[in-house]
Every structure is written in C-alpha cells, then in structure tokens.
Amino acid sequence: MPRPISATVHTAALANNLAVVRRAAPRSKVWAIVKANAYGHGLARAFPGLRATDGFGLLDLDEAVRLRELGWAGPILLLEGFFKPVDLEIVDRYSLSVTVHCDDQLRMIETARLSRPLNVQLKMNTGMNRLGYTPERYRTAWERARHTPAIGQIVLMTHFSDADGARGVQHQLAAFERGADGIAGARTLANSAATLWHPATHFDWVRPGVMLYGGSPSGVAADIATSGLEPSMTLASEIIGVQNLAAGDTVGYGSRFTAERPVRLGIVACGYADGYPRHAPTGTPIAVNGIRTRTVGRVSMDMIAVDLSTVPDAGVGADVELWGPNVSIDEVAQASDTIGYELMCAVAPRVPIRAD
C-alpha cells in the first residue's frame, strides 16, 4: 500500500473563487494568475476550475505552451515578460502577451521578426521597486512602444506592495496617475488584496492570485472569513501510530514538548519532506476525524505528532487534515511564521495530488 498522505485540488472551489473575484470587480476583466504551476496546484488540475477567466497570467514559457496544449485559446500574459530575443519566437508562435518593464525588452521587440504585432503590458514602478519604469520615465517608454510597429495594444500596468496592509495603495495609485497622466489605454493594477479591499484600483483588468486558491492576501485567515472564498487544496494523511505519554515524557527530536499530564498522541504520516513547514510549533492547528486539535513537538522529515485528547476514539487509520476546509492553510502558515502562498507551492513531489 502507498503511504497514506495525499493532496486534493478542489475544482469547484477554484470556480467559486473566480466567481468571488467577478463579484468583487464586476466591471473588470480577470487575469487568473497561475504562476508557479498554479501555486502548486498543477496547471492541468487547476485549468478546468479557472477556464471561465478572461486570461491567464504566469511567468514560464513552458507553462504558457502547456496552457495552449490544454486547449486555452484566449490571452496569456507573461508577467515578467521575456529574457532573450529567442524567447520572442515562442511568444509569437503561441500568441502570448508580454509585460515590458525595461528598455532592453523594447530593443529586443524593435529588432524582432514577428508574424503579428505583440500586445504588451507596460509596467510602471510606483514603489514596489522591483521591475518597471519610474513615473518620470513612463511616458517616454510609452511613446517609444507606441511608435514600434511590432507592438500592438499597450496596457498600462503597475503592482502594489502594500494593498494587504495599513499603508494601503494611495501612494502608489497617486504615482501611477502622475506617470500615466494623459496616456490613453486600458489599465491593470489590482492584485488579490486590491481586488478584495481597494475597488478604486480595479480599472479594466484585475490580476487575482492567491485568492483564487482560497488563501488570504494578508496571510490572516480572519480577513477573508466573510469573502465567500473556499480552500482549493486539502492536504490529508492518516494516523499511523499511537503513543501514551506519562507526565514528564518528551516527544520527538530535541524533546521540544514535555507532557505535564498523561497525553495520548497520534503519529501522522506527514513531515517537512512532504512540504509541511518544519518550523510549525507545538499548538499548530490540525484536524483528526474532522475535529480540530494541535500538533505536538518538532516536525520531523516524515512524521508529526498530534494531541488526541479531544479525539479520544481516534486510532491508527484515523483521517488527518493538515490543511483544508477544517484547518485554513493560512492558520498553519501563520503559526509557522510564513504565508499560505509558500505552503501551496511547497507540497513535495512525493505527495500524490489529484483533482476532484
């Protein structure tokens, strides 16, 4: 028999979350962001749940080609654009759109031999300070792109750094409006956080990512409690052993947990080699037979200990949910001082993943 751990991608939840995006931004088209193999869900598994989108955004040329092979004929956007002139051959062949964020990319387009004009998203750096033209240089870049015969539609683009926090988006929105003043064209600014919480940024296209997968853009599960978003992935396993501890007994490597009273423990077939966060401390939420309880001691490569005090009837073979409908992935991430995005992307290759 195979080891009992597995992950399930919930197609209906993906479709539901896309519908939540449309309700939040009813006048905008949607770029469904499926970078990093659809946030670890798998492009082929996520595609049926998200195919009602208006376009897909990702980073990798191979993933873009894979979407075409899956039957997607609509827009595909390369969020970091392209890196070498040879990339434009694939961009042209598969009718991809590209982000343009620097003069080097413009120069490569100007000298490329393309079968059709290339649609671009011209990126402005409004304060994230990763990619893009400053507001002061933006019009010059736009004018250059506008007069390049190999470029067709130009969409104005930026990316928010603090849409999920107290600083908000106003400083970047003001910078964007300054740099784009007097420039005609569609606009795309809103990530998941801005889609949910900053309707003034929605414009022509929104670019939801983590919210499509039921995660909170802020990393706090309570922030999306009333949003209607549903978890799109369940990581599940089983109890494979039971131990009864007396007061004073310890658990696992480093003896990080010492029992203050008799405790019944379950041992779960899941560890950091499966993608569960190694730094998850004692008390991280977990569910056994649908009942929430806590992890105990240090996470090891292949096993986790859980407290069965609230699940006295659970034994070997009992169902365990590491994250899913009963335990939010954001709760596990927050307990482990990380974010749900990382956990989605970190599920290990040895874990079987299926779609329901």
Protein backbone atom coordinates (compact mmCIF):
# COMPACT_ATOMS: atom_id res chain seq x y z
CA MET A 1 0.00 0.00 0.00
CA PRO A 2 1.25 3.54 -0.70
CA ARG A 3 1.93 5.91 2.16
CA PRO A 4 -1.43 7.48 3.14
CA ILE A 5 -0.58 11.15 2.53
CA SER A 6 -2.19 12.91 -0.45
CA ALA A 7 -3.32 16.33 -1.65
CA THR A 8 -6.61 17.08 -3.39
CA VAL A 9 -7.27 20.07 -5.64
CA HIS A 10 -10.92 21.13 -5.49
CA THR A 11 -12.08 22.18 -8.95
CA ALA A 12 -15.39 23.54 -7.68
CA ALA A 13 -13.61 25.74 -5.14
CA LEU A 14 -11.45 27.26 -7.88
CA ALA A 15 -14.55 28.05 -9.92
CA ASN A 16 -16.24 29.52 -6.85
CA ASN A 17 -13.24 31.72 -6.08
CA LEU A 18 -13.15 33.03 -9.63
CA ALA A 19 -16.83 33.93 -9.21
CA VAL A 20 -15.94 35.79 -5.99
CA VAL A 21 -13.41 37.81 -8.00
CA ARG A 22 -16.07 38.73 -10.55
CA ARG A 23 -18.48 39.83 -7.81
CA ALA A 24 -15.75 41.94 -6.20
CA ALA A 25 -14.75 43.58 -9.51
CA PRO A 26 -17.84 43.30 -11.72
CA ARG A 27 -16.70 45.82 -14.35
CA SER A 28 -13.20 44.38 -14.80
CA LYS A 29 -11.81 41.54 -16.84
CA VAL A 30 -9.77 38.94 -14.97
CA TRP A 31 -6.23 37.72 -15.41
CA ALA A 32 -6.21 34.47 -13.41
CA ILE A 33 -2.65 34.16 -12.11
CA VAL A 34 -1.37 30.60 -12.43
CA LYS A 35 2.37 31.13 -11.98
CA ALA A 36 4.46 28.54 -10.11
CA ASN A 37 2.43 25.70 -11.62
CA ALA A 38 -0.82 27.29 -10.47
CA TYR A 39 0.50 27.98 -6.98
CA GLY A 40 1.49 24.34 -6.61
CA HIS A 41 -1.91 23.01 -7.65
CA GLY A 42 -0.78 21.94 -11.13
CA LEU A 43 -1.81 23.75 -14.31
CA ALA A 44 -3.72 20.81 -15.71
CA ARG A 45 -5.60 20.29 -12.45
CA ALA A 46 -6.40 23.99 -11.94
CA PHE A 47 -7.36 24.75 -15.54
CA PRO A 48 -10.89 23.23 -15.50
CA GLY A 49 -11.83 25.31 -12.45
CA LEU A 50 -10.44 28.55 -13.86
CA ARG A 51 -11.23 28.30 -17.55
CA ALA A 52 -14.07 30.84 -17.23
CA THR A 53 -11.45 33.56 -16.75
CA ASP A 54 -10.68 36.19 -19.40
CA GLY A 55 -6.96 35.47 -19.45
CA PHE A 56 -4.16 33.67 -17.63
CA GLY A 57 -1.01 35.23 -16.19
CA LEU A 58 2.18 33.30 -15.48
CA LEU A 59 5.96 33.51 -15.76
CA ASP A 60 7.27 30.50 -17.60
CA LEU A 61 7.22 29.97 -21.36
CA ASP A 62 6.83 26.21 -20.94
CA GLU A 63 3.77 26.75 -18.75
CA ALA A 64 2.32 29.13 -21.34
CA VAL A 65 2.77 26.49 -24.03
CA ARG A 66 1.18 23.93 -21.70
CA LEU A 67 -1.93 26.13 -21.39
CA ARG A 68 -2.23 26.23 -25.17
CA GLU A 69 -1.90 22.45 -25.25
CA LEU A 70 -4.70 22.19 -22.69
CA GLY A 71 -6.94 23.99 -25.17
CA TRP A 72 -6.81 27.59 -23.96
CA ALA A 73 -7.13 29.94 -26.94
CA GLY A 74 -7.54 33.19 -25.02
CA PRO A 75 -4.99 35.71 -23.73
CA ILE A 76 -1.89 34.53 -21.86
CA LEU A 77 0.33 37.11 -20.18
CA LEU A 78 3.99 36.60 -19.28
CA LEU A 79 4.20 38.61 -16.06
CA GLU A 80 7.96 39.17 -16.19
CA GLY A 81 7.98 39.44 -19.95
CA PHE A 82 10.78 37.67 -21.80
CA PHE A 83 14.51 37.43 -21.25
CA LYS A 84 16.26 36.73 -24.56
CA PRO A 85 15.49 37.54 -28.22
CA VAL A 86 14.94 33.85 -28.91
CA ASP A 87 12.02 33.88 -26.45
CA LEU A 88 10.09 36.08 -28.85
CA GLU A 89 9.92 33.23 -31.35
CA ILE A 90 7.80 31.25 -28.86
CA VAL A 91 5.86 34.36 -27.82
CA ASP A 92 4.95 34.93 -31.48
CA ARG A 93 4.20 31.30 -32.28
CA TYR A 94 1.79 30.90 -29.36
CA SER A 95 0.26 34.41 -29.47
CA LEU A 96 1.36 35.42 -25.98
CA SER A 97 1.19 38.87 -24.41
CA VAL A 98 4.21 40.16 -22.52
CA THR A 99 4.98 42.57 -19.73
CA VAL A 100 7.60 45.14 -20.77
CA HIS A 101 9.48 46.72 -17.88
CA CYS A 102 12.80 47.96 -19.33
CA ASP A 103 14.46 49.39 -22.43
CA ASP A 104 16.31 46.14 -23.12
CA GLN A 105 12.98 44.42 -23.76
CA LEU A 106 11.81 47.23 -26.02
CA ARG A 107 15.02 46.98 -28.01
CA MET A 108 14.56 43.23 -28.50
CA ILE A 109 11.00 43.78 -29.75
CA GLU A 110 12.13 46.52 -32.13
CA THR A 111 14.58 44.16 -33.84
CA ALA A 112 12.40 41.03 -33.77
CA ARG A 113 10.74 39.49 -36.80
CA LEU A 114 7.19 38.78 -35.71
CA SER A 115 4.20 37.49 -37.66
CA ARG A 116 1.82 39.88 -35.90
CA PRO A 117 2.02 42.91 -33.57
CA LEU A 118 2.73 41.97 -29.96
CA ASN A 119 0.35 43.03 -27.19
CA VAL A 120 2.25 44.38 -24.19
CA GLN A 121 1.63 45.47 -20.64
CA LEU A 122 3.93 48.42 -20.00
CA LYS A 123 4.91 48.27 -16.35
CA MET A 124 5.38 51.28 -14.12
CA ASN A 125 7.40 51.11 -10.90
CA THR A 126 5.24 53.04 -8.45
CA GLY A 127 7.07 51.99 -5.29
CA MET A 128 7.48 48.23 -5.28
CA ASN A 129 10.98 48.87 -6.69
CA ARG A 130 11.40 45.56 -8.42
CA LEU A 131 10.52 45.95 -12.10
CA GLY A 132 9.19 48.79 -14.23
CA TYR A 133 9.76 52.34 -15.42
CA THR A 134 9.60 55.16 -12.92
CA PRO A 135 6.66 57.53 -13.31
CA GLU A 136 9.08 60.16 -14.64
CA ARG A 137 10.29 57.86 -17.44
CA TYR A 138 6.98 56.19 -18.19
CA ARG A 139 5.68 58.48 -20.92
CA THR A 140 8.96 58.25 -22.82
CA ALA A 141 8.75 54.44 -22.71
CA TRP A 142 5.11 54.54 -23.78
CA GLU A 143 5.88 56.84 -26.70
CA ARG A 144 8.67 54.53 -27.81
CA ALA A 145 6.39 51.50 -27.56
CA ARG A 146 3.57 53.31 -29.35
CA HIS A 147 5.82 54.03 -32.32
CA THR A 148 7.19 50.48 -32.53
CA PRO A 149 5.46 48.69 -35.44
CA ALA A 150 5.95 45.30 -33.77
CA ILE A 151 3.83 46.39 -30.77
CA GLY A 152 0.04 46.34 -30.91
CA GLN A 153 -2.13 47.02 -27.88
CA ILE A 154 -0.43 48.68 -24.89
CA VAL A 155 -1.98 48.16 -21.45
CA LEU A 156 -0.77 50.34 -18.56
CA MET A 157 0.33 48.26 -15.57
CA THR A 158 1.72 48.50 -12.05
CA HIS A 159 1.88 46.26 -8.97
CA PHE A 160 1.03 47.09 -5.35
CA SER A 161 3.34 46.42 -2.44
CA ASP A 162 1.02 47.19 0.48
CA ALA A 163 -2.55 46.52 -0.67
CA ASP A 164 -2.87 43.98 2.15
CA GLY A 165 -1.58 46.27 4.91
CA ALA A 166 -2.04 49.52 6.75
CA ARG A 167 -0.07 51.62 4.25
CA GLY A 168 -2.55 50.76 1.53
CA VAL A 169 -2.39 51.77 -2.11
CA GLN A 170 -2.95 55.52 -2.24
CA HIS A 171 0.73 56.46 -2.51
CA GLN A 172 1.22 54.08 -5.44
CA LEU A 173 -2.08 54.97 -7.07
CA ALA A 174 -1.08 58.65 -6.98
CA ALA A 175 2.31 57.81 -8.53
CA PHE A 176 0.61 55.78 -11.24
CA GLU A 177 -1.82 58.55 -12.10
CA ARG A 178 1.06 61.01 -12.25
CA GLY A 179 3.09 58.84 -14.59
CA ALA A 180 0.11 57.89 -16.77
CA ASP A 181 -1.41 61.34 -16.92
CA GLY A 182 -2.78 61.95 -20.40
CA ILE A 183 -1.95 58.46 -21.66
CA ALA A 184 -4.87 56.57 -23.15
CA GLY A 185 -5.25 52.83 -22.79
CA ALA A 186 -6.56 50.04 -20.62
CA ARG A 187 -5.15 49.74 -17.11
CA THR A 188 -4.35 46.79 -14.81
CA LEU A 189 -3.29 47.43 -11.22
CA ALA A 190 -5.16 45.22 -8.76
CA ASN A 191 -3.69 42.07 -7.22
CA SER A 192 -5.73 39.84 -4.89
CA ALA A 193 -5.61 42.28 -1.96
CA ALA A 194 -6.60 45.25 -4.10
CA THR A 195 -9.33 43.21 -5.79
CA LEU A 196 -10.84 42.42 -2.40
CA TRP A 197 -10.26 45.66 -0.49
CA HIS A 198 -9.50 48.56 -2.87
CA PRO A 199 -12.23 48.86 -5.51
CA ALA A 200 -10.87 52.18 -6.78
CA THR A 201 -7.95 50.24 -8.30
CA HIS A 202 -9.95 47.75 -10.36
CA PHE A 203 -9.93 49.58 -13.72
CA ASP A 204 -10.03 47.39 -16.87
CA TRP A 205 -8.30 44.21 -15.62
CA VAL A 206 -7.66 42.71 -12.17
CA ARG A 207 -4.91 40.15 -11.52
CA PRO A 208 -6.00 37.86 -8.67
CA GLY A 209 -3.56 35.23 -7.50
CA VAL A 210 -3.75 33.69 -4.03
CA MET A 211 -7.45 34.46 -3.58
CA LEU A 212 -8.24 32.11 -6.47
CA TYR A 213 -6.84 29.33 -4.33
CA GLY A 214 -8.76 30.32 -1.19
CA GLY A 215 -5.81 31.97 0.55
CA SER A 216 -5.80 35.31 2.33
CA PRO A 217 -3.68 38.03 0.68
CA SER A 218 -2.80 39.32 4.14
CA GLY A 219 -1.92 35.86 5.43
CA VAL A 220 -4.64 36.19 8.09
CA ALA A 221 -7.50 33.73 7.72
CA ALA A 222 -9.97 36.01 9.52
CA ASP A 223 -9.52 38.69 6.86
CA ILE A 224 -11.35 36.56 4.27
CA ALA A 225 -13.80 34.86 6.63
CA THR A 226 -16.83 36.55 5.04
CA SER A 227 -15.48 36.75 1.47
CA GLY A 228 -17.01 33.53 0.20
CA LEU A 229 -13.60 32.16 -0.80
CA GLU A 230 -13.12 28.41 -0.39
CA PRO A 231 -9.90 26.42 0.09
CA SER A 232 -8.82 24.87 -3.19
CA MET A 233 -6.40 22.35 -1.71
CA THR A 234 -6.63 19.77 1.06
CA LEU A 235 -3.50 18.08 2.38
CA ALA A 236 -4.54 14.89 4.15
CA SER A 237 -2.99 11.86 5.77
CA GLU A 238 -3.70 9.28 8.50
CA ILE A 239 -2.65 8.31 11.99
CA ILE A 240 -0.06 5.52 11.64
CA GLY A 241 0.77 5.03 15.32
CA VAL A 242 -0.42 5.89 18.83
CA GLN A 243 1.67 6.64 21.92
CA ASN A 244 0.57 7.15 25.52
CA LEU A 245 2.74 9.63 27.42
CA ALA A 246 3.04 9.94 31.17
CA ALA A 247 3.72 13.26 32.85
CA GLY A 248 7.35 14.15 32.21
CA ASP A 249 7.69 12.23 28.93
CA THR A 250 9.03 14.10 25.92
CA VAL A 251 8.27 13.91 22.21
CA GLY A 252 10.46 13.90 19.11
CA TYR A 253 13.81 15.39 18.18
CA GLY A 254 15.14 17.92 20.66
CA SER A 255 12.49 16.95 23.24
CA ARG A 256 10.68 20.19 22.42
CA PHE A 257 7.50 19.06 24.20
CA THR A 258 7.27 17.70 27.73
CA ALA A 259 3.95 16.28 28.91
CA GLU A 260 2.61 17.96 32.04
CA ARG A 261 -0.01 15.23 32.41
CA PRO A 262 -0.83 11.93 30.69
CA VAL A 263 -1.30 12.59 26.96
CA ARG A 264 -2.39 10.30 24.14
CA LEU A 265 -0.60 11.09 20.90
CA GLY A 266 -1.22 10.17 17.29
CA ILE A 267 1.67 9.93 14.83
CA VAL A 268 0.82 11.29 11.38
CA ALA A 269 2.42 10.24 8.09
CA CYS A 270 3.49 13.76 7.07
CA GLY A 271 6.64 15.79 7.59
CA TYR A 272 8.75 18.54 6.15
CA ALA A 273 9.82 16.29 3.26
CA ASP A 274 6.16 16.37 2.22
CA GLY A 275 6.05 20.17 2.32
CA TYR A 276 4.69 20.68 5.82
CA PRO A 277 6.56 23.56 7.49
CA ARG A 278 9.40 22.30 9.69
CA HIS A 279 9.10 25.31 11.99
CA ALA A 280 5.45 24.68 12.84
CA PRO A 281 5.45 24.83 16.66
CA THR A 282 3.50 22.86 19.24
CA GLY A 283 -0.07 24.11 19.02
CA THR A 284 -0.29 24.44 15.24
CA PRO A 285 -3.90 23.57 14.33
CA ILE A 286 -4.61 20.23 12.69
CA ALA A 287 -7.79 18.13 12.40
CA VAL A 288 -8.30 14.44 13.19
CA ASN A 289 -11.57 12.84 12.06
CA GLY A 290 -12.82 16.37 11.37
CA ILE A 291 -12.09 17.59 14.90
CA ARG A 292 -9.54 20.35 15.38
CA THR A 293 -6.63 19.63 17.69
CA ARG A 294 -2.93 20.58 17.81
CA THR A 295 0.48 19.40 16.76
CA VAL A 296 2.98 18.44 19.48
CA GLY A 297 6.76 18.66 19.40
CA ARG A 298 9.09 19.19 16.46
CA VAL A 299 8.06 18.34 12.90
CA SER A 300 10.38 15.66 11.54
CA MET A 301 11.11 14.67 7.95
CA ASP A 302 8.30 12.13 7.68
CA MET A 303 6.13 12.38 10.80
CA ILE A 304 4.21 14.77 13.03
CA ALA A 305 2.79 14.09 16.50
CA VAL A 306 -0.73 15.29 17.31
CA ASP A 307 -2.63 15.58 20.57
CA LEU A 308 -5.60 13.18 20.61
CA SER A 309 -7.06 14.48 23.88
CA THR A 310 -10.05 15.99 22.04
CA VAL A 311 -10.40 12.94 19.78
CA PRO A 312 -10.34 10.02 22.23
CA ASP A 313 -11.73 7.47 19.77
CA ALA A 314 -9.12 8.16 17.08
CA GLY A 315 -6.59 5.43 16.42
CA VAL A 316 -4.46 4.04 13.63
CA GLY A 317 -6.11 4.82 10.32
CA ALA A 318 -7.93 7.93 11.55
CA ASP A 319 -8.22 10.70 8.96
CA VAL A 320 -5.94 13.72 9.39
CA GLU A 321 -6.33 17.08 7.68
CA LEU A 322 -3.12 19.12 7.64
CA TRP A 323 -4.94 21.96 5.89
CA GLY A 324 -8.22 22.25 4.01
CA PRO A 325 -11.84 23.03 4.92
CA ASN A 326 -11.41 22.49 8.68
CA VAL A 327 -7.94 23.98 9.10
CA SER A 328 -7.11 27.00 6.96
CA ILE A 329 -3.75 26.91 5.21
CA ASP A 330 -3.30 30.49 6.45
CA GLU A 331 -3.63 29.33 10.06
CA VAL A 332 -0.87 26.77 9.56
CA ALA A 333 1.28 29.33 7.79
CA GLN A 334 0.76 32.00 10.43
CA ALA A 335 1.67 29.57 13.21
CA SER A 336 4.84 28.74 11.26
CA ASP A 337 5.82 32.36 10.58
CA THR A 338 5.30 32.06 6.84
CA ILE A 339 2.48 32.61 4.33
CA GLY A 340 -0.05 30.32 2.71
CA TYR A 341 1.45 31.03 -0.73
CA GLU A 342 4.64 29.23 0.31
CA LEU A 343 2.82 26.19 1.65
CA MET A 344 0.77 25.81 -1.53
CA CYS A 345 3.91 25.92 -3.63
CA ALA A 346 5.93 23.68 -1.30
CA VAL A 347 3.92 20.44 -1.49
CA ALA A 348 6.62 17.91 -2.32
CA PRO A 349 6.77 15.77 -5.48
CA ARG A 350 6.44 12.62 -3.39
CA VAL A 351 2.91 13.64 -2.35
CA PRO A 352 0.27 12.33 -4.80
CA ILE A 353 -2.04 15.12 -5.98
CA ARG A 354 -5.41 14.59 -7.60
CA ALA A 355 -8.30 16.81 -8.65
CA ASP A 356 -11.88 16.18 -7.58
